Structure formats: C-alpha cells, structure tokens
Amino acid sequence: GWTIAGLIILVPVAFILGLLTAISPVLSNTILIVILLLSYWLIVP
C-alpha cells in the first residue's frame, strides 16, 4: 500500500515539477518548498 500510494503521488508531482522547472526554476523551487512545508503534517502518521 505504501509503495502504490507513493507512486500515485510522487510520479505526478515529479512530472509537474519537471514541467515547472522548464518554465521557471524559481517557481518550481517555490512550489517544492511549499510541498515540503505541507508534508510536515504527514510526518507523524
């Protein structure tokens, strides 16, 4: 379940970040930081 959920989440996120990096590296890095901050709420569970 962990593996399947990880693929479902990480593959689209990586694809979107790749597209944003091609458009604007600054925008891509900003969104990555926001994702990392939001992931704090997932650390404990």
PDB file of all heavy atoms in Angstrom:
ATOM      1  N   GLY A   1       0.818  -1.210   0.000  1.00  0.00           N
ATOM      2  CA  GLY A   1       0.000   0.000   0.000  1.00  0.00           C
ATOM      3  C   GLY A   1       0.849   1.256   0.000  1.00  0.00           C
ATOM      4  O   GLY A   1       0.558   2.226  -0.721  1.00  0.00           O
ATOM      5  N   TRP A   2       1.930   1.233   0.790  1.00  0.00           N
ATOM      6  CA  TRP A   2       2.853   2.362   0.850  1.00  0.00           C
ATOM      7  C   TRP A   2       3.478   2.612  -0.531  1.00  0.00           C
ATOM      8  O   TRP A   2       3.561   3.752  -0.993  1.00  0.00           O
ATOM      9  CB  TRP A   2       3.931   2.037   1.888  1.00  0.00           C
ATOM     10  CG  TRP A   2       5.075   2.991   1.979  1.00  0.00           C
ATOM     11  CD1 TRP A   2       6.121   3.095   1.106  1.00  0.00           C
ATOM     12  CD2 TRP A   2       5.311   3.963   3.004  1.00  0.00           C
ATOM     13  NE1 TRP A   2       7.009   4.043   1.534  1.00  0.00           N
ATOM     14  CE2 TRP A   2       6.541   4.602   2.687  1.00  0.00           C
ATOM     15  CE3 TRP A   2       4.642   4.337   4.151  1.00  0.00           C
ATOM     16  CZ2 TRP A   2       7.082   5.600   3.492  1.00  0.00           C
ATOM     17  CZ3 TRP A   2       5.188   5.331   4.943  1.00  0.00           C
ATOM     18  CH2 TRP A   2       6.377   5.952   4.620  1.00  0.00           C
ATOM     19  N   THR A   3       3.914   1.543  -1.188  1.00  0.00           N
ATOM     20  CA  THR A   3       4.563   1.667  -2.495  1.00  0.00           C
ATOM     21  C   THR A   3       3.608   2.208  -3.544  1.00  0.00           C
ATOM     22  O   THR A   3       3.939   3.122  -4.308  1.00  0.00           O
ATOM     23  CB  THR A   3       5.112   0.309  -2.950  1.00  0.00           C
ATOM     24  OG1 THR A   3       6.028  -0.195  -1.960  1.00  0.00           O
ATOM     25  CG2 THR A   3       5.818   0.426  -4.281  1.00  0.00           C
ATOM     26  N   ILE A   4       2.391   1.655  -3.593  1.00  0.00           N
ATOM     27  CA  ILE A   4       1.412   2.098  -4.582  1.00  0.00           C
ATOM     28  C   ILE A   4       1.029   3.555  -4.351  1.00  0.00           C
ATOM     29  O   ILE A   4       0.980   4.362  -5.294  1.00  0.00           O
ATOM     30  CB  ILE A   4       0.168   1.192  -4.535  1.00  0.00           C
ATOM     31  CG1 ILE A   4       0.533  -0.226  -4.991  1.00  0.00           C
ATOM     32  CG2 ILE A   4      -0.944   1.757  -5.410  1.00  0.00           C
ATOM     33  CD1 ILE A   4      -0.569  -1.237  -4.792  1.00  0.00           C
ATOM     34  N   ALA A   5       0.769   3.912  -3.083  1.00  0.00           N
ATOM     35  CA  ALA A   5       0.408   5.298  -2.775  1.00  0.00           C
ATOM     36  C   ALA A   5       1.549   6.250  -3.116  1.00  0.00           C
ATOM     37  O   ALA A   5       1.326   7.350  -3.643  1.00  0.00           O
ATOM     38  CB  ALA A   5       0.035   5.420  -1.296  1.00  0.00           C
ATOM     39  N   GLY A   6       2.788   5.816  -2.836  1.00  0.00           N
ATOM     40  CA  GLY A   6       3.928   6.657  -3.157  1.00  0.00           C
ATOM     41  C   GLY A   6       4.066   6.912  -4.639  1.00  0.00           C
ATOM     42  O   GLY A   6       4.340   8.036  -5.081  1.00  0.00           O
ATOM     43  N   LEU A   7       3.852   5.869  -5.452  1.00  0.00           N
ATOM     44  CA  LEU A   7       3.930   6.036  -6.908  1.00  0.00           C
ATOM     45  C   LEU A   7       2.818   6.946  -7.423  1.00  0.00           C
ATOM     46  O   LEU A   7       3.048   7.797  -8.292  1.00  0.00           O
ATOM     47  CB  LEU A   7       3.857   4.676  -7.595  1.00  0.00           C
ATOM     48  CG  LEU A   7       5.072   3.758  -7.401  1.00  0.00           C
ATOM     49  CD1 LEU A   7       4.804   2.400  -8.030  1.00  0.00           C
ATOM     50  CD2 LEU A   7       6.323   4.385  -8.002  1.00  0.00           C
ATOM     51  N   ILE A   8       1.608   6.758  -6.877  1.00  0.00           N
ATOM     52  CA  ILE A   8       0.477   7.581  -7.315  1.00  0.00           C
ATOM     53  C   ILE A   8       0.725   9.054  -7.028  1.00  0.00           C
ATOM     54  O   ILE A   8       0.352   9.939  -7.820  1.00  0.00           O
ATOM     55  CB  ILE A   8      -0.817   7.108  -6.640  1.00  0.00           C
ATOM     56  CG1 ILE A   8      -1.203   5.706  -7.156  1.00  0.00           C
ATOM     57  CG2 ILE A   8      -1.959   8.092  -6.869  1.00  0.00           C
ATOM     58  CD1 ILE A   8      -2.392   5.109  -6.453  1.00  0.00           C
ATOM     59  N   ILE A   9       1.379   9.339  -5.909  1.00  0.00           N
ATOM     60  CA  ILE A   9       1.608  10.733  -5.511  1.00  0.00           C
ATOM     61  C   ILE A   9       2.881  11.297  -6.133  1.00  0.00           C
ATOM     62  O   ILE A   9       2.885  12.401  -6.700  1.00  0.00           O
ATOM     63  CB  ILE A   9       1.675  10.843  -3.974  1.00  0.00           C
ATOM     64  CG1 ILE A   9       0.318  10.474  -3.369  1.00  0.00           C
ATOM     65  CG2 ILE A   9       2.075  12.258  -3.552  1.00  0.00           C
ATOM     66  CD1 ILE A   9       0.328  10.385  -1.866  1.00  0.00           C
ATOM     67  N   LEU A  10       3.978  10.542  -6.060  1.00  0.00           N
ATOM     68  CA  LEU A  10       5.278  11.087  -6.437  1.00  0.00           C
ATOM     69  C   LEU A  10       5.447  11.236  -7.941  1.00  0.00           C
ATOM     70  O   LEU A  10       6.079  12.204  -8.401  1.00  0.00           O
ATOM     71  CB  LEU A  10       6.391  10.199  -5.874  1.00  0.00           C
ATOM     72  CG  LEU A  10       6.518  10.191  -4.353  1.00  0.00           C
ATOM     73  CD1 LEU A  10       7.650   9.275  -3.928  1.00  0.00           C
ATOM     74  CD2 LEU A  10       6.774  11.610  -3.824  1.00  0.00           C
ATOM     75  N   VAL A  11       4.915  10.294  -8.729  1.00  0.00           N
ATOM     76  CA  VAL A  11       5.110  10.385 -10.182  1.00  0.00           C
ATOM     77  C   VAL A  11       4.464  11.647 -10.758  1.00  0.00           C
ATOM     78  O   VAL A  11       5.134  12.404 -11.495  1.00  0.00           O
ATOM     79  CB  VAL A  11       4.577   9.109 -10.872  1.00  0.00           C
ATOM     80  CG1 VAL A  11       4.561   9.284 -12.386  1.00  0.00           C
ATOM     81  CG2 VAL A  11       5.437   7.899 -10.495  1.00  0.00           C
ATOM     82  N   PRO A  12       3.176  11.946 -10.471  1.00  0.00           N
ATOM     83  CA  PRO A  12       2.622  13.200 -10.998  1.00  0.00           C
ATOM     84  C   PRO A  12       3.327  14.435 -10.450  1.00  0.00           C
ATOM     85  O   PRO A  12       3.530  15.407 -11.194  1.00  0.00           O
ATOM     86  CB  PRO A  12       1.151  13.160 -10.529  1.00  0.00           C
ATOM     87  CG  PRO A  12       0.874  11.719 -10.264  1.00  0.00           C
ATOM     88  CD  PRO A  12       2.150  11.147  -9.766  1.00  0.00           C
ATOM     89  N   VAL A  13       3.705  14.415  -9.164  1.00  0.00           N
ATOM     90  CA  VAL A  13       4.395  15.579  -8.591  1.00  0.00           C
ATOM     91  C   VAL A  13       5.727  15.803  -9.288  1.00  0.00           C
ATOM     92  O   VAL A  13       6.086  16.939  -9.634  1.00  0.00           O
ATOM     93  CB  VAL A  13       4.591  15.380  -7.076  1.00  0.00           C
ATOM     94  CG1 VAL A  13       5.531  16.447  -6.515  1.00  0.00           C
ATOM     95  CG2 VAL A  13       3.259  15.448  -6.353  1.00  0.00           C
ATOM     96  N   ALA A  14       6.484  14.725  -9.524  1.00  0.00           N
ATOM     97  CA  ALA A  14       7.768  14.857 -10.212  1.00  0.00           C
ATOM     98  C   ALA A  14       7.578  15.363 -11.639  1.00  0.00           C
ATOM     99  O   ALA A  14       8.370  16.183 -12.128  1.00  0.00           O
ATOM    100  CB  ALA A  14       8.488  13.512 -10.208  1.00  0.00           C
ATOM    101  N   PHE A  15       6.532  14.876 -12.300  1.00  0.00           N
ATOM    102  CA  PHE A  15       6.261  15.317 -13.674  1.00  0.00           C
ATOM    103  C   PHE A  15       5.919  16.807 -13.700  1.00  0.00           C
ATOM    104  O   PHE A  15       6.441  17.563 -14.530  1.00  0.00           O
ATOM    105  CB  PHE A  15       5.115  14.497 -14.261  1.00  0.00           C
ATOM    106  CG  PHE A  15       4.724  14.900 -15.652  1.00  0.00           C
ATOM    107  CD1 PHE A  15       5.529  14.572 -16.736  1.00  0.00           C
ATOM    108  CD2 PHE A  15       3.560  15.625 -15.878  1.00  0.00           C
ATOM    109  CE1 PHE A  15       5.172  14.945 -18.034  1.00  0.00           C
ATOM    110  CE2 PHE A  15       3.197  16.007 -17.163  1.00  0.00           C
ATOM    111  CZ  PHE A  15       4.011  15.669 -18.239  1.00  0.00           C
ATOM    112  N   ILE A  16       5.060  17.237 -12.780  1.00  0.00           N
ATOM    113  CA  ILE A  16       4.665  18.651 -12.734  1.00  0.00           C
ATOM    114  C   ILE A  16       5.853  19.540 -12.393  1.00  0.00           C
ATOM    115  O   ILE A  16       6.058  20.601 -13.005  1.00  0.00           O
ATOM    116  CB  ILE A  16       3.523  18.848 -11.714  1.00  0.00           C
ATOM    117  CG1 ILE A  16       2.259  18.138 -12.212  1.00  0.00           C
ATOM    118  CG2 ILE A  16       3.246  20.330 -11.498  1.00  0.00           C
ATOM    119  CD1 ILE A  16       1.130  18.128 -11.207  1.00  0.00           C
ATOM    120  N   LEU A  17       6.673  19.105 -11.411  1.00  0.00           N
ATOM    121  CA  LEU A  17       7.845  19.900 -11.052  1.00  0.00           C
ATOM    122  C   LEU A  17       8.823  19.979 -12.209  1.00  0.00           C
ATOM    123  O   LEU A  17       9.481  21.010 -12.406  1.00  0.00           O
ATOM    124  CB  LEU A  17       8.523  19.294  -9.819  1.00  0.00           C
ATOM    125  CG  LEU A  17       7.789  19.473  -8.482  1.00  0.00           C
ATOM    126  CD1 LEU A  17       8.548  18.765  -7.375  1.00  0.00           C
ATOM    127  CD2 LEU A  17       7.638  20.962  -8.153  1.00  0.00           C
ATOM    128  N   GLY A  18       8.928  18.887 -12.986  1.00  0.00           N
ATOM    129  CA  GLY A  18       9.800  18.922 -14.157  1.00  0.00           C
ATOM    130  C   GLY A  18       9.336  19.937 -15.188  1.00  0.00           C
ATOM    131  O   GLY A  18      10.149  20.676 -15.759  1.00  0.00           O
ATOM    132  N   LEU A  19       8.020  19.978 -15.425  1.00  0.00           N
ATOM    133  CA  LEU A  19       7.488  20.965 -16.366  1.00  0.00           C
ATOM    134  C   LEU A  19       7.697  22.390 -15.853  1.00  0.00           C
ATOM    135  O   LEU A  19       8.082  23.287 -16.622  1.00  0.00           O
ATOM    136  CB  LEU A  19       5.988  20.706 -16.582  1.00  0.00           C
ATOM    137  CG  LEU A  19       5.607  19.450 -17.365  1.00  0.00           C
ATOM    138  CD1 LEU A  19       4.094  19.333 -17.455  1.00  0.00           C
ATOM    139  CD2 LEU A  19       6.232  19.466 -18.762  1.00  0.00           C
ATOM    140  N   LEU A  20       7.454  22.586 -14.553  1.00  0.00           N
ATOM    141  CA  LEU A  20       7.633  23.928 -13.988  1.00  0.00           C
ATOM    142  C   LEU A  20       9.096  24.359 -14.019  1.00  0.00           C
ATOM    143  O   LEU A  20       9.387  25.541 -14.197  1.00  0.00           O
ATOM    144  CB  LEU A  20       7.107  23.954 -12.549  1.00  0.00           C
ATOM    145  CG  LEU A  20       5.584  23.814 -12.395  1.00  0.00           C
ATOM    146  CD1 LEU A  20       5.204  23.755 -10.920  1.00  0.00           C
ATOM    147  CD2 LEU A  20       4.865  24.970 -13.077  1.00  0.00           C
ATOM    148  N   THR A  21      10.004  23.395 -13.840  1.00  0.00           N
ATOM    149  CA  THR A  21      11.425  23.719 -13.911  1.00  0.00           C
ATOM    150  C   THR A  21      11.809  24.212 -15.298  1.00  0.00           C
ATOM    151  O   THR A  21      12.618  25.143 -15.454  1.00  0.00           O
ATOM    152  CB  THR A  21      12.270  22.493 -13.536  1.00  0.00           C
ATOM    153  OG1 THR A  21      11.928  22.075 -12.209  1.00  0.00           O
ATOM    154  CG2 THR A  21      13.749  22.810 -13.591  1.00  0.00           C
ATOM    155  N   ALA A  22      11.217  23.589 -16.331  1.00  0.00           N
ATOM    156  CA  ALA A  22      11.490  24.023 -17.704  1.00  0.00           C
ATOM    157  C   ALA A  22      10.941  25.423 -17.959  1.00  0.00           C
ATOM    158  O   ALA A  22      11.516  26.195 -18.729  1.00  0.00           O
ATOM    159  CB  ALA A  22      10.894  23.026 -18.688  1.00  0.00           C
ATOM    160  N   ILE A  23       9.810  25.742 -17.304  1.00  0.00           N
ATOM    161  CA  ILE A  23       9.202  27.063 -17.498  1.00  0.00           C
ATOM    162  C   ILE A  23       9.896  28.116 -16.648  1.00  0.00           C
ATOM    163  O   ILE A  23      10.298  29.167 -17.124  1.00  0.00           O
ATOM    164  CB  ILE A  23       7.695  27.010 -17.165  1.00  0.00           C
ATOM    165  CG1 ILE A  23       6.989  26.032 -18.109  1.00  0.00           C
ATOM    166  CG2 ILE A  23       7.084  28.395 -17.243  1.00  0.00           C
ATOM    167  CD1 ILE A  23       5.539  25.783 -17.742  1.00  0.00           C
ATOM    168  N   SER A  24      10.006  27.810 -15.326  1.00  0.00           N
ATOM    169  CA  SER A  24      10.601  28.772 -14.397  1.00  0.00           C
ATOM    170  C   SER A  24      11.196  28.017 -13.211  1.00  0.00           C
ATOM    171  O   SER A  24      10.445  27.515 -12.369  1.00  0.00           O
ATOM    172  CB  SER A  24       9.543  29.772 -13.908  1.00  0.00           C
ATOM    173  OG  SER A  24      10.064  30.580 -12.876  1.00  0.00           O
ATOM    174  N   PRO A  25      12.507  27.932 -13.120  1.00  0.00           N
ATOM    175  CA  PRO A  25      13.128  27.253 -11.969  1.00  0.00           C
ATOM    176  C   PRO A  25      12.752  27.875 -10.636  1.00  0.00           C
ATOM    177  O   PRO A  25      12.614  27.166  -9.643  1.00  0.00           O
ATOM    178  CB  PRO A  25      14.630  27.403 -12.250  1.00  0.00           C
ATOM    179  CG  PRO A  25      14.726  27.583 -13.736  1.00  0.00           C
ATOM    180  CD  PRO A  25      13.491  28.339 -14.112  1.00  0.00           C
ATOM    181  N   VAL A  26      12.578  29.187 -10.616  1.00  0.00           N
ATOM    182  CA  VAL A  26      12.210  29.846  -9.357  1.00  0.00           C
ATOM    183  C   VAL A  26      10.832  29.386  -8.894  1.00  0.00           C
ATOM    184  O   VAL A  26      10.612  29.076  -7.719  1.00  0.00           O
ATOM    185  CB  VAL A  26      12.242  31.380  -9.530  1.00  0.00           C
ATOM    186  CG1 VAL A  26      11.750  32.069  -8.253  1.00  0.00           C
ATOM    187  CG2 VAL A  26      13.650  31.848  -9.883  1.00  0.00           C
ATOM    188  N   LEU A  27       9.876  29.342  -9.826  1.00  0.00           N
ATOM    189  CA  LEU A  27       8.529  28.882  -9.489  1.00  0.00           C
ATOM    190  C   LEU A  27       8.554  27.434  -9.026  1.00  0.00           C
ATOM    191  O   LEU A  27       7.878  27.059  -8.052  1.00  0.00           O
ATOM    192  CB  LEU A  27       7.613  29.032 -10.704  1.00  0.00           C
ATOM    193  CG  LEU A  27       6.165  28.536 -10.539  1.00  0.00           C
ATOM    194  CD1 LEU A  27       5.467  29.317  -9.431  1.00  0.00           C
ATOM    195  CD2 LEU A  27       5.419  28.655 -11.861  1.00  0.00           C
ATOM    196  N   SER A  28       9.337  26.598  -9.695  1.00  0.00           N
ATOM    197  CA  SER A  28       9.441  25.187  -9.314  1.00  0.00           C
ATOM    198  C   SER A  28       9.993  25.035  -7.905  1.00  0.00           C
ATOM    199  O   SER A  28       9.471  24.263  -7.095  1.00  0.00           O
ATOM    200  CB  SER A  28      10.328  24.446 -10.315  1.00  0.00           C
ATOM    201  OG  SER A  28      10.547  23.117  -9.899  1.00  0.00           O
ATOM    202  N   ASN A  29      11.050  25.791  -7.582  1.00  0.00           N
ATOM    203  CA  ASN A  29      11.635  25.712  -6.240  1.00  0.00           C
ATOM    204  C   ASN A  29      10.671  26.223  -5.176  1.00  0.00           C
ATOM    205  O   ASN A  29      10.606  25.690  -4.067  1.00  0.00           O
ATOM    206  CB  ASN A  29      12.934  26.509  -6.187  1.00  0.00           C
ATOM    207  CG  ASN A  29      14.032  25.863  -7.013  1.00  0.00           C
ATOM    208  OD1 ASN A  29      14.041  24.652  -7.212  1.00  0.00           O
ATOM    209  ND2 ASN A  29      14.968  26.670  -7.501  1.00  0.00           N
ATOM    210  N   THR A  30       9.903  27.250  -5.511  1.00  0.00           N
ATOM    211  CA  THR A  30       8.925  27.784  -4.552  1.00  0.00           C
ATOM    212  C   THR A  30       7.850  26.750  -4.233  1.00  0.00           C
ATOM    213  O   THR A  30       7.503  26.533  -3.070  1.00  0.00           O
ATOM    214  CB  THR A  30       8.279  29.060  -5.118  1.00  0.00           C
ATOM    215  OG1 THR A  30       9.294  30.021  -5.406  1.00  0.00           O
ATOM    216  CG2 THR A  30       7.288  29.633  -4.110  1.00  0.00           C
ATOM    217  N   ILE A  31       7.323  26.106  -5.263  1.00  0.00           N
ATOM    218  CA  ILE A  31       6.297  25.091  -5.053  1.00  0.00           C
ATOM    219  C   ILE A  31       6.870  23.898  -4.293  1.00  0.00           C
ATOM    220  O   ILE A  31       6.202  23.315  -3.426  1.00  0.00           O
ATOM    221  CB  ILE A  31       5.712  24.638  -6.407  1.00  0.00           C
ATOM    222  CG1 ILE A  31       4.941  25.803  -7.042  1.00  0.00           C
ATOM    223  CG2 ILE A  31       4.804  23.422  -6.232  1.00  0.00           C
ATOM    224  CD1 ILE A  31       4.357  25.484  -8.394  1.00  0.00           C
ATOM    225  N   LEU A  32       8.119  23.538  -4.570  1.00  0.00           N
ATOM    226  CA  LEU A  32       8.753  22.432  -3.845  1.00  0.00           C
ATOM    227  C   LEU A  32       8.872  22.747  -2.367  1.00  0.00           C
ATOM    228  O   LEU A  32       8.623  21.882  -1.510  1.00  0.00           O
ATOM    229  CB  LEU A  32      10.132  22.153  -4.440  1.00  0.00           C
ATOM    230  CG  LEU A  32      10.928  21.011  -3.774  1.00  0.00           C
ATOM    231  CD1 LEU A  32      10.166  19.700  -3.882  1.00  0.00           C
ATOM    232  CD2 LEU A  32      12.309  20.894  -4.409  1.00  0.00           C
ATOM    233  N   ILE A  33       9.225  23.991  -2.033  1.00  0.00           N
ATOM    234  CA  ILE A  33       9.321  24.389  -0.624  1.00  0.00           C
ATOM    235  C   ILE A  33       7.952  24.322   0.045  1.00  0.00           C
ATOM    236  O   ILE A  33       7.819  23.863   1.181  1.00  0.00           O
ATOM    237  CB  ILE A  33       9.917  25.808  -0.522  1.00  0.00           C
ATOM    238  CG1 ILE A  33      11.383  25.796  -0.971  1.00  0.00           C
ATOM    239  CG2 ILE A  33       9.804  26.329   0.906  1.00  0.00           C
ATOM    240  CD1 ILE A  33      12.012  27.175  -1.057  1.00  0.00           C
ATOM    241  N   VAL A  34       6.911  24.770  -0.666  1.00  0.00           N
ATOM    242  CA  VAL A  34       5.553  24.700  -0.112  1.00  0.00           C
ATOM    243  C   VAL A  34       5.147  23.247   0.149  1.00  0.00           C
ATOM    244  O   VAL A  34       4.566  22.921   1.190  1.00  0.00           O
ATOM    245  CB  VAL A  34       4.550  25.375  -1.074  1.00  0.00           C
ATOM    246  CG1 VAL A  34       3.116  25.142  -0.593  1.00  0.00           C
ATOM    247  CG2 VAL A  34       4.840  26.870  -1.165  1.00  0.00           C
ATOM    248  N   ILE A  35       5.462  22.362  -0.782  1.00  0.00           N
ATOM    249  CA  ILE A  35       5.141  20.937  -0.612  1.00  0.00           C
ATOM    250  C   ILE A  35       5.862  20.367   0.598  1.00  0.00           C
ATOM    251  O   ILE A  35       5.284  19.617   1.392  1.00  0.00           O
ATOM    252  CB  ILE A  35       5.505  20.150  -1.888  1.00  0.00           C
ATOM    253  CG1 ILE A  35       4.586  20.558  -3.040  1.00  0.00           C
ATOM    254  CG2 ILE A  35       5.393  18.649  -1.645  1.00  0.00           C
ATOM    255  CD1 ILE A  35       4.959  19.933  -4.368  1.00  0.00           C
ATOM    256  N   LEU A  36       7.126  20.729   0.768  1.00  0.00           N
ATOM    257  CA  LEU A  36       7.895  20.239   1.917  1.00  0.00           C
ATOM    258  C   LEU A  36       7.321  20.743   3.229  1.00  0.00           C
ATOM    259  O   LEU A  36       7.270  20.005   4.228  1.00  0.00           O
ATOM    260  CB  LEU A  36       9.363  20.652   1.782  1.00  0.00           C
ATOM    261  CG  LEU A  36      10.140  19.991   0.629  1.00  0.00           C
ATOM    262  CD1 LEU A  36      11.548  20.566   0.546  1.00  0.00           C
ATOM    263  CD2 LEU A  36      10.195  18.485   0.828  1.00  0.00           C
ATOM    264  N   LEU A  37       6.875  22.003   3.237  1.00  0.00           N
ATOM    265  CA  LEU A  37       6.270  22.544   4.459  1.00  0.00           C
ATOM    266  C   LEU A  37       4.953  21.839   4.780  1.00  0.00           C
ATOM    267  O   LEU A  37       4.674  21.515   5.942  1.00  0.00           O
ATOM    268  CB  LEU A  37       6.042  24.051   4.306  1.00  0.00           C
ATOM    269  CG  LEU A  37       7.308  24.923   4.256  1.00  0.00           C
ATOM    270  CD1 LEU A  37       6.941  26.376   3.975  1.00  0.00           C
ATOM    271  CD2 LEU A  37       8.086  24.810   5.563  1.00  0.00           C
ATOM    272  N   LEU A  38       4.145  21.582   3.753  1.00  0.00           N
ATOM    273  CA  LEU A  38       2.876  20.896   3.980  1.00  0.00           C
ATOM    274  C   LEU A  38       3.081  19.450   4.400  1.00  0.00           C
ATOM    275  O   LEU A  38       2.252  18.869   5.105  1.00  0.00           O
ATOM    276  CB  LEU A  38       2.019  20.957   2.707  1.00  0.00           C
ATOM    277  CG  LEU A  38       1.506  22.344   2.299  1.00  0.00           C
ATOM    278  CD1 LEU A  38       0.751  22.263   0.986  1.00  0.00           C
ATOM    279  CD2 LEU A  38       0.616  22.938   3.389  1.00  0.00           C
ATOM    280  N   SER A  39       4.196  18.853   3.965  1.00  0.00           N
ATOM    281  CA  SER A  39       4.451  17.451   4.309  1.00  0.00           C
ATOM    282  C   SER A  39       4.719  17.265   5.795  1.00  0.00           C
ATOM    283  O   SER A  39       4.719  16.132   6.286  1.00  0.00           O
ATOM    284  CB  SER A  39       5.635  16.922   3.497  1.00  0.00           C
ATOM    285  OG  SER A  39       6.833  17.577   3.870  1.00  0.00           O
ATOM    286  N   TYR A  40       4.963  18.363   6.523  1.00  0.00           N
ATOM    287  CA  TYR A  40       5.159  18.256   7.974  1.00  0.00           C
ATOM    288  C   TYR A  40       3.967  17.578   8.633  1.00  0.00           C
ATOM    289  O   TYR A  40       4.115  16.796   9.576  1.00  0.00           O
ATOM    290  CB  TYR A  40       5.367  19.651   8.571  1.00  0.00           C
ATOM    291  CG  TYR A  40       5.267  19.683  10.085  1.00  0.00           C
ATOM    292  CD1 TYR A  40       6.315  19.238  10.870  1.00  0.00           C
ATOM    293  CD2 TYR A  40       4.102  20.145  10.717  1.00  0.00           C
ATOM    294  CE1 TYR A  40       6.220  19.256  12.248  1.00  0.00           C
ATOM    295  CE2 TYR A  40       4.003  20.169  12.089  1.00  0.00           C
ATOM    296  CZ  TYR A  40       5.063  19.724  12.851  1.00  0.00           C
ATOM    297  OH  TYR A  40       4.953  19.742  14.229  1.00  0.00           O
ATOM    298  N   TRP A  41       2.764  17.845   8.122  1.00  0.00           N
ATOM    299  CA  TRP A  41       1.560  17.280   8.713  1.00  0.00           C
ATOM    300  C   TRP A  41       1.435  15.783   8.440  1.00  0.00           C
ATOM    301  O   TRP A  41       0.607  15.110   9.062  1.00  0.00           O
ATOM    302  CB  TRP A  41       0.329  18.008   8.165  1.00  0.00           C
ATOM    303  CG  TRP A  41       0.374  19.469   8.441  1.00  0.00           C
ATOM    304  CD1 TRP A  41       0.744  20.455   7.587  1.00  0.00           C
ATOM    305  CD2 TRP A  41       0.071  20.120   9.687  1.00  0.00           C
ATOM    306  NE1 TRP A  41       0.689  21.679   8.207  1.00  0.00           N
ATOM    307  CE2 TRP A  41       0.264  21.505   9.498  1.00  0.00           C
ATOM    308  CE3 TRP A  41      -0.367  19.666  10.939  1.00  0.00           C
ATOM    309  CZ2 TRP A  41       0.060  22.432  10.509  1.00  0.00           C
ATOM    310  CZ3 TRP A  41      -0.575  20.599  11.944  1.00  0.00           C
ATOM    311  CH2 TRP A  41      -0.366  21.956  11.728  1.00  0.00           C
ATOM    312  N   LEU A  42       2.263  15.259   7.535  1.00  0.00           N
ATOM    313  CA  LEU A  42       2.219  13.828   7.236  1.00  0.00           C
ATOM    314  C   LEU A  42       3.319  13.048   7.947  1.00  0.00           C
ATOM    315  O   LEU A  42       3.312  11.813   7.911  1.00  0.00           O
ATOM    316  CB  LEU A  42       2.360  13.610   5.718  1.00  0.00           C
ATOM    317  CG  LEU A  42       1.254  14.201   4.843  1.00  0.00           C
ATOM    318  CD1 LEU A  42       1.604  13.985   3.373  1.00  0.00           C
ATOM    319  CD2 LEU A  42      -0.081  13.564   5.171  1.00  0.00           C
ATOM    320  N   ILE A  43       4.265  13.753   8.569  1.00  0.00           N
ATOM    321  CA  ILE A  43       5.411  13.073   9.160  1.00  0.00           C
ATOM    322  C   ILE A  43       4.982  12.110  10.252  1.00  0.00           C
ATOM    323  O   ILE A  43       5.384  10.940  10.279  1.00  0.00           O
ATOM    324  CB  ILE A  43       6.418  14.100   9.706  1.00  0.00           C
ATOM    325  CG1 ILE A  43       7.066  14.871   8.552  1.00  0.00           C
ATOM    326  CG2 ILE A  43       7.493  13.401  10.542  1.00  0.00           C
ATOM    327  CD1 ILE A  43       7.998  15.968   9.004  1.00  0.00           C
ATOM    328  N   VAL A  44       4.140  12.588  11.182  1.00  0.00           N
ATOM    329  CA  VAL A  44       3.749  11.748  12.325  1.00  0.00           C
ATOM    330  C   VAL A  44       2.933  10.531  11.883  1.00  0.00           C
ATOM    331  O   VAL A  44       3.264   9.402  12.257  1.00  0.00           O
ATOM    332  CB  VAL A  44       2.992  12.586  13.373  1.00  0.00           C
ATOM    333  CG1 VAL A  44       2.451  11.683  14.485  1.00  0.00           C
ATOM    334  CG2 VAL A  44       3.919  13.643  13.957  1.00  0.00           C
ATOM    335  N   PRO A  45       1.854  10.694  11.087  1.00  0.00           N
ATOM    336  CA  PRO A  45       1.104   9.491  10.679  1.00  0.00           C
ATOM    337  C   PRO A  45       1.932   8.525   9.851  1.00  0.00           C
ATOM    338  O   PRO A  45       1.778   7.309   9.977  1.00  0.00           O
ATOM    339  CB  PRO A  45      -0.071  10.056   9.876  1.00  0.00           C
ATOM    340  CG  PRO A  45       0.293  11.456   9.536  1.00  0.00           C
ATOM    341  CD  PRO A  45       1.177  11.925  10.635  1.00  0.00           C
TER     342      PRO A  45
END
